[in-house]
Amino acid sequence: MSVPKLVKSTISSAVREIIDSDLSFQDALYRGYANISAMARIIKPRVEEVVGRRVNIESIITSLKRLKIEYKQITPSIRSVIANSTINVRTDVVKISIEKTKRTLEVVRRVLADYQEEFLQVSESISAITLIFDQRLLNEVKSLFKGENILEEASNLAAIIVRSPKEIIKTPGCAIAFYNQVSRRRINIEDTVSCYTDTIIVVKMDDVGKAFTALTELISTARRS
């Protein structure tokens, strides 16, 4: 019984990979005008290439029907928020994470006060504090944490800032829609911060073009709907 499950999962993963890389297929599933059987026939050669063997067309149709349900999960209220969102990009940013102590908390407060005019985002967990800011400030900021344990440091990043209407605060599922759109392009989200109506998604500089295009297309599709 384990073999059919493995085969089914492999086909499903291949179908998802192909659909996630094709915006026209995604839009067809999302808006409900897709001919599932025709779409299955179109992608069948690519599915077989991915899994490395011949595939039954009914298996592809089953996988597409499951995906159709997922792509139609955007509600009218979420769509409205997305349609009224805008995007800005900050390139050449860095991220550092430091151990959370009484001293590092004091230093972070000083950083926030001294760099009010700069791009600076701070997020705090139980054991660590993460700062995302312009790369040109790296040496200055790091010098303030001299002697402290820097848990992580990453450079050559970009911050995509999605600014939404205030309705996003009371509309669950909006941020997930943004994240899914990026992750479907196989782009790793290095970090993310949500601040009031802004959703900030941090990616590698090499991926910022693809991520920006993906989010722009999501917003454009929502506006057309």
Protein backbone atom coordinates (compact mmCIF):
# COMPACT_ATOMS: atom_id res chain seq x y z
CA MET A 1 0.00 0.00 0.00
CA SER A 2 2.96 2.34 0.54
CA VAL A 3 3.99 2.34 -3.16
CA PRO A 4 0.76 3.92 -4.53
CA LYS A 5 0.97 6.63 -1.88
CA LEU A 6 4.55 7.42 -2.86
CA VAL A 7 3.63 7.52 -6.58
CA LYS A 8 0.62 9.71 -5.90
CA SER A 9 2.69 12.12 -3.85
CA THR A 10 5.34 12.32 -6.56
CA ILE A 11 2.79 13.15 -9.26
CA SER A 12 1.10 15.68 -6.98
CA SER A 13 4.42 17.41 -6.26
CA ALA A 14 5.27 17.52 -9.97
CA VAL A 15 1.89 19.03 -10.84
CA ARG A 16 2.22 21.63 -8.09
CA GLU A 17 5.72 22.58 -9.26
CA ILE A 18 4.53 23.08 -12.85
CA ILE A 19 1.43 25.08 -11.90
CA ASP A 20 3.32 27.22 -9.38
CA SER A 21 5.73 28.28 -12.13
CA ASP A 22 3.01 29.26 -14.63
CA LEU A 23 0.89 32.31 -13.82
CA SER A 24 -1.64 31.65 -16.59
CA PHE A 25 -2.44 28.23 -15.14
CA GLN A 26 -2.65 29.71 -11.65
CA ASP A 27 -5.02 32.44 -12.80
CA ALA A 28 -7.21 29.91 -14.61
CA LEU A 29 -7.51 27.78 -11.48
CA TYR A 30 -7.98 30.79 -9.22
CA ARG A 31 -10.71 32.40 -11.35
CA GLY A 32 -12.45 29.12 -12.16
CA TYR A 33 -12.30 29.13 -15.96
CA ALA A 34 -9.75 26.30 -16.26
CA ASN A 35 -10.62 23.21 -18.30
CA ILE A 36 -9.03 20.68 -15.96
CA SER A 37 -8.89 17.86 -18.51
CA ALA A 38 -7.32 20.09 -21.15
CA MET A 39 -4.81 21.48 -18.64
CA ALA A 40 -3.89 17.92 -17.59
CA ARG A 41 -3.18 16.98 -21.22
CA ILE A 42 -1.03 20.08 -21.69
CA ILE A 43 1.17 19.48 -18.65
CA LYS A 44 1.27 15.67 -18.95
CA PRO A 45 4.62 15.59 -20.86
CA ARG A 46 6.20 17.91 -18.30
CA VAL A 47 4.85 15.86 -15.38
CA GLU A 48 6.27 12.69 -16.93
CA GLU A 49 9.61 14.45 -17.41
CA VAL A 50 9.70 15.45 -13.74
CA VAL A 51 8.73 12.03 -12.34
CA GLY A 52 10.77 10.13 -14.96
CA ARG A 53 8.05 7.74 -16.16
CA ARG A 54 4.69 7.58 -17.90
CA VAL A 55 1.77 8.96 -15.90
CA ASN A 56 -1.96 8.25 -16.04
CA ILE A 57 -3.91 11.36 -17.08
CA GLU A 58 -6.49 10.73 -14.32
CA SER A 59 -3.76 11.11 -11.67
CA ILE A 60 -2.91 14.54 -13.03
CA ILE A 61 -6.58 15.56 -13.12
CA THR A 62 -6.98 14.52 -9.47
CA SER A 63 -3.95 16.61 -8.46
CA LEU A 64 -5.24 19.62 -10.41
CA LYS A 65 -8.63 19.41 -8.72
CA ARG A 66 -6.93 19.54 -5.32
CA LEU A 67 -4.87 22.55 -6.39
CA LYS A 68 -7.98 24.28 -7.71
CA ILE A 69 -9.44 24.30 -4.20
CA GLU A 70 -6.25 25.83 -2.77
CA TYR A 71 -6.02 28.55 -5.41
CA LYS A 72 -9.64 29.60 -4.83
CA GLN A 73 -9.12 30.26 -1.12
CA ILE A 74 -8.73 34.04 -1.61
CA THR A 75 -11.97 35.59 -0.34
CA PRO A 76 -13.48 38.85 -1.68
CA SER A 77 -12.30 40.73 1.43
CA ILE A 78 -8.72 39.49 0.99
CA ARG A 79 -8.89 40.27 -2.73
CA SER A 80 -10.00 43.83 -1.93
CA VAL A 81 -7.06 44.38 0.42
CA ILE A 82 -4.61 42.97 -2.13
CA ALA A 83 -6.07 45.07 -4.95
CA ASN A 84 -5.54 48.25 -2.93
CA SER A 85 -1.97 47.42 -1.91
CA THR A 86 1.19 48.97 -3.33
CA ILE A 87 4.80 47.79 -3.40
CA ASN A 88 8.12 49.49 -2.67
CA VAL A 89 11.56 47.89 -2.71
CA ARG A 90 14.67 48.68 -0.66
CA THR A 91 17.78 47.04 -2.03
CA ASP A 92 21.11 46.48 -0.28
CA VAL A 93 19.85 45.79 3.21
CA VAL A 94 21.35 43.58 5.90
CA LYS A 95 20.04 41.56 8.79
CA ILE A 96 21.64 40.86 12.12
CA SER A 97 20.23 38.86 15.02
CA ILE A 98 21.63 39.25 18.51
CA GLU A 99 21.04 37.60 21.83
CA LYS A 100 18.35 39.35 23.83
CA THR A 101 19.77 40.80 27.03
CA LYS A 102 19.16 43.89 29.11
CA ARG A 103 22.13 45.59 27.46
CA THR A 104 21.16 44.70 23.88
CA LEU A 105 17.65 46.00 24.51
CA GLU A 106 19.17 49.30 25.62
CA VAL A 107 21.39 49.40 22.54
CA VAL A 108 18.42 48.75 20.26
CA ARG A 109 16.56 51.66 21.83
CA ARG A 110 19.59 53.85 21.14
CA VAL A 111 19.76 52.63 17.55
CA LEU A 112 16.08 53.43 17.02
CA ALA A 113 16.61 56.93 18.42
CA ASP A 114 19.81 57.65 16.47
CA TYR A 115 18.62 56.34 13.10
CA GLN A 116 15.04 57.58 12.98
CA GLU A 117 15.39 58.78 9.40
CA GLU A 118 16.86 55.53 8.12
CA PHE A 119 15.23 52.30 6.97
CA LEU A 120 15.29 50.21 10.13
CA GLN A 121 13.03 47.35 11.21
CA VAL A 122 13.25 45.58 14.56
CA SER A 123 11.57 42.34 15.61
CA GLU A 124 11.87 40.68 18.99
CA SER A 125 11.41 37.11 20.17
CA ILE A 126 11.90 35.49 23.57
CA SER A 127 15.64 34.97 23.13
CA ALA A 128 16.75 37.18 20.22
CA ILE A 129 16.38 40.55 18.53
CA THR A 130 16.60 40.96 14.76
CA LEU A 131 17.43 44.23 13.02
CA ILE A 132 16.99 44.84 9.29
CA PHE A 133 18.54 48.04 7.94
CA ASP A 134 20.53 49.68 5.12
CA GLN A 135 23.79 47.90 4.39
CA ARG A 136 25.81 51.13 4.51
CA LEU A 137 25.07 51.35 8.25
CA LEU A 138 26.36 47.88 9.04
CA ASN A 139 29.71 48.81 10.59
CA GLU A 140 28.19 51.64 12.65
CA VAL A 141 25.39 49.49 14.04
CA LYS A 142 27.63 46.48 14.72
CA SER A 143 30.06 48.68 16.65
CA LEU A 144 27.26 49.51 19.10
CA PHE A 145 26.88 45.82 19.90
CA LYS A 146 30.59 45.30 20.49
CA GLY A 147 31.16 42.33 22.79
CA GLU A 148 27.64 41.02 22.34
CA ASN A 149 26.84 37.66 20.78
CA ILE A 150 25.70 38.16 17.17
CA LEU A 151 23.68 35.05 16.38
CA GLU A 152 23.27 35.66 12.66
CA GLU A 153 24.39 38.13 10.03
CA ALA A 154 23.22 38.24 6.42
CA SER A 155 23.98 40.80 3.71
CA ASN A 156 23.03 41.39 0.06
CA LEU A 157 19.35 41.32 0.89
CA ALA A 158 16.37 43.32 -0.34
CA ALA A 159 13.23 44.36 1.51
CA ILE A 160 9.93 44.33 -0.37
CA ILE A 161 7.45 46.58 1.43
CA VAL A 162 3.80 45.83 0.69
CA ARG A 163 1.64 48.72 1.89
CA SER A 164 -2.00 47.82 2.30
CA PRO A 165 -5.15 49.65 3.37
CA LYS A 166 -6.04 49.61 7.06
CA GLU A 167 -8.59 46.83 6.41
CA ILE A 168 -5.68 44.37 6.42
CA ILE A 169 -5.58 44.63 10.21
CA LYS A 170 -8.96 42.91 10.55
CA THR A 171 -8.79 40.70 7.45
CA PRO A 172 -7.11 37.35 8.16
CA GLY A 173 -5.24 35.64 5.34
CA CYS A 174 -3.79 38.66 3.54
CA ALA A 175 -0.19 38.20 4.64
CA ILE A 176 -0.36 34.49 3.77
CA ALA A 177 -1.50 35.42 0.26
CA PHE A 178 1.61 37.57 -0.16
CA TYR A 179 3.91 34.90 1.29
CA ASN A 180 2.40 32.15 -0.86
CA GLN A 181 2.86 34.19 -4.00
CA VAL A 182 6.58 34.53 -3.25
CA SER A 183 7.15 30.96 -2.07
CA ARG A 184 5.41 29.53 -5.12
CA ARG A 185 8.33 30.90 -7.16
CA ARG A 186 10.68 28.81 -4.99
CA ILE A 187 12.00 32.00 -3.39
CA ASN A 188 13.20 31.72 0.19
CA ILE A 189 11.85 34.41 2.52
CA GLU A 190 14.87 35.36 4.61
CA ASP A 191 12.80 37.30 7.12
CA THR A 192 9.48 39.07 7.42
CA VAL A 193 8.06 41.84 9.58
CA SER A 194 4.48 43.03 9.88
CA CYS A 195 4.05 46.61 11.07
CA TYR A 196 0.58 48.17 11.12
CA THR A 197 -0.47 48.04 7.43
CA ASP A 198 2.99 47.19 6.05
CA THR A 199 4.09 43.64 5.27
CA ILE A 200 7.86 43.54 4.80
CA ILE A 201 9.32 40.53 3.02
CA VAL A 202 13.10 40.14 2.99
CA VAL A 203 14.70 38.10 0.19
CA LYS A 204 18.12 37.73 -1.36
CA MET A 205 19.13 40.38 -3.89
CA ASP A 206 19.27 37.69 -6.57
CA ASP A 207 15.58 36.92 -5.97
CA VAL A 208 14.15 40.41 -5.58
CA GLY A 209 13.20 40.77 -9.25
CA LYS A 210 11.23 37.52 -9.28
CA ALA A 211 9.59 38.29 -5.94
CA PHE A 212 8.60 41.80 -7.04
CA THR A 213 7.12 40.48 -10.28
CA ALA A 214 5.18 37.78 -8.42
CA LEU A 215 3.63 40.25 -5.99
CA THR A 216 2.89 42.78 -8.72
CA GLU A 217 1.05 40.12 -10.70
CA LEU A 218 -0.93 39.11 -7.61
CA ILE A 219 -2.06 42.72 -7.11
CA SER A 220 -2.84 43.16 -10.82
CA THR A 221 -4.93 39.98 -10.86
CA ALA A 222 -6.86 41.14 -7.78
CA ARG A 223 -7.55 44.50 -9.40
CA ARG A 224 -8.82 42.86 -12.59
CA SER A 225 -11.15 40.69 -10.52
